[in-house]
């Protein structure tokens, strides 16, 4: 399982815990990160730049440091 996919799982867990709108929140994060979170699969290869962009977007949208 890739780090990118594990990051997706952490994001989804936070969204569920906070009872946020899943599509809206993932959309906001995805727009800021420049990638579609739903397209990240367990076998998606890790990309350092994508991981960094995703973590930065999560910090901006959810206020959480992953």
Protein backbone atom coordinates (compact mmCIF):
# COMPACT_ATOMS: atom_id res chain seq x y z
CA UNK A 1 0.00 0.00 0.00
CA UNK A 2 1.41 3.37 -1.01
CA UNK A 3 1.96 6.33 1.30
CA UNK A 4 -0.29 8.34 -1.02
CA UNK A 5 -3.15 5.89 -0.43
CA UNK A 6 -2.53 5.85 3.33
CA UNK A 7 -2.79 9.65 3.26
CA UNK A 8 -6.12 9.34 1.45
CA UNK A 9 -7.36 6.99 4.19
CA UNK A 10 -6.31 9.45 6.92
CA UNK A 11 -8.14 12.26 5.14
CA UNK A 12 -11.30 10.17 4.83
CA UNK A 13 -11.12 9.24 8.53
CA UNK A 14 -10.88 12.91 9.57
CA UNK A 15 -13.79 13.84 7.29
CA UNK A 16 -15.97 11.12 8.82
CA UNK A 17 -14.98 11.98 12.40
CA UNK A 18 -15.87 15.63 11.84
CA UNK A 19 -19.06 14.70 9.96
CA UNK A 20 -18.09 16.91 7.04
CA UNK A 21 -19.54 16.67 3.54
CA UNK A 22 -17.26 14.10 1.92
CA UNK A 23 -17.55 15.31 -1.68
CA UNK A 24 -17.21 18.99 -0.90
CA UNK A 25 -14.26 18.51 1.46
CA UNK A 26 -12.41 16.12 -0.85
CA UNK A 27 -13.09 18.54 -3.70
CA UNK A 28 -11.59 21.47 -1.81
CA UNK A 29 -8.52 19.45 -0.86
CA UNK A 30 -8.17 18.07 -4.37
CA UNK A 31 -8.36 21.51 -5.97
CA UNK A 32 -5.67 22.87 -3.67
CA UNK A 33 -3.48 19.78 -4.13
CA UNK A 34 -3.99 19.54 -7.88
CA UNK A 35 -5.17 15.93 -7.84
CA UNK A 36 -8.36 13.95 -7.43
CA UNK A 37 -8.35 12.10 -4.12
CA UNK A 38 -10.85 9.48 -5.30
CA UNK A 39 -8.41 8.37 -8.03
CA UNK A 40 -5.76 7.42 -5.46
CA UNK A 41 -5.79 3.62 -5.20
CA UNK A 42 -3.74 1.21 -3.02
CA UNK A 43 -1.39 0.54 -5.93
CA UNK A 44 -0.97 4.20 -6.93
CA UNK A 45 2.78 4.83 -7.04
CA UNK A 46 4.13 7.30 -4.51
CA UNK A 47 5.18 10.71 -5.75
CA UNK A 48 6.95 12.97 -3.26
CA UNK A 49 5.50 16.11 -4.84
CA UNK A 50 1.93 14.80 -4.80
CA UNK A 51 2.24 13.69 -1.16
CA UNK A 52 3.60 17.11 -0.15
CA UNK A 53 0.86 18.93 -2.09
CA UNK A 54 -1.83 16.74 -0.53
CA UNK A 55 -0.53 17.28 3.00
CA UNK A 56 -0.31 21.03 2.43
CA UNK A 57 -3.89 21.12 1.13
CA UNK A 58 -5.11 19.13 4.16
CA UNK A 59 -3.42 21.63 6.46
CA UNK A 60 -5.12 24.53 4.66
CA UNK A 61 -8.61 23.00 4.44
CA UNK A 62 -8.84 20.93 7.63
CA UNK A 63 -6.20 22.59 9.78
CA UNK A 64 -4.56 19.23 10.44
CA UNK A 65 -0.88 18.40 10.01
CA UNK A 66 -0.52 14.89 8.59
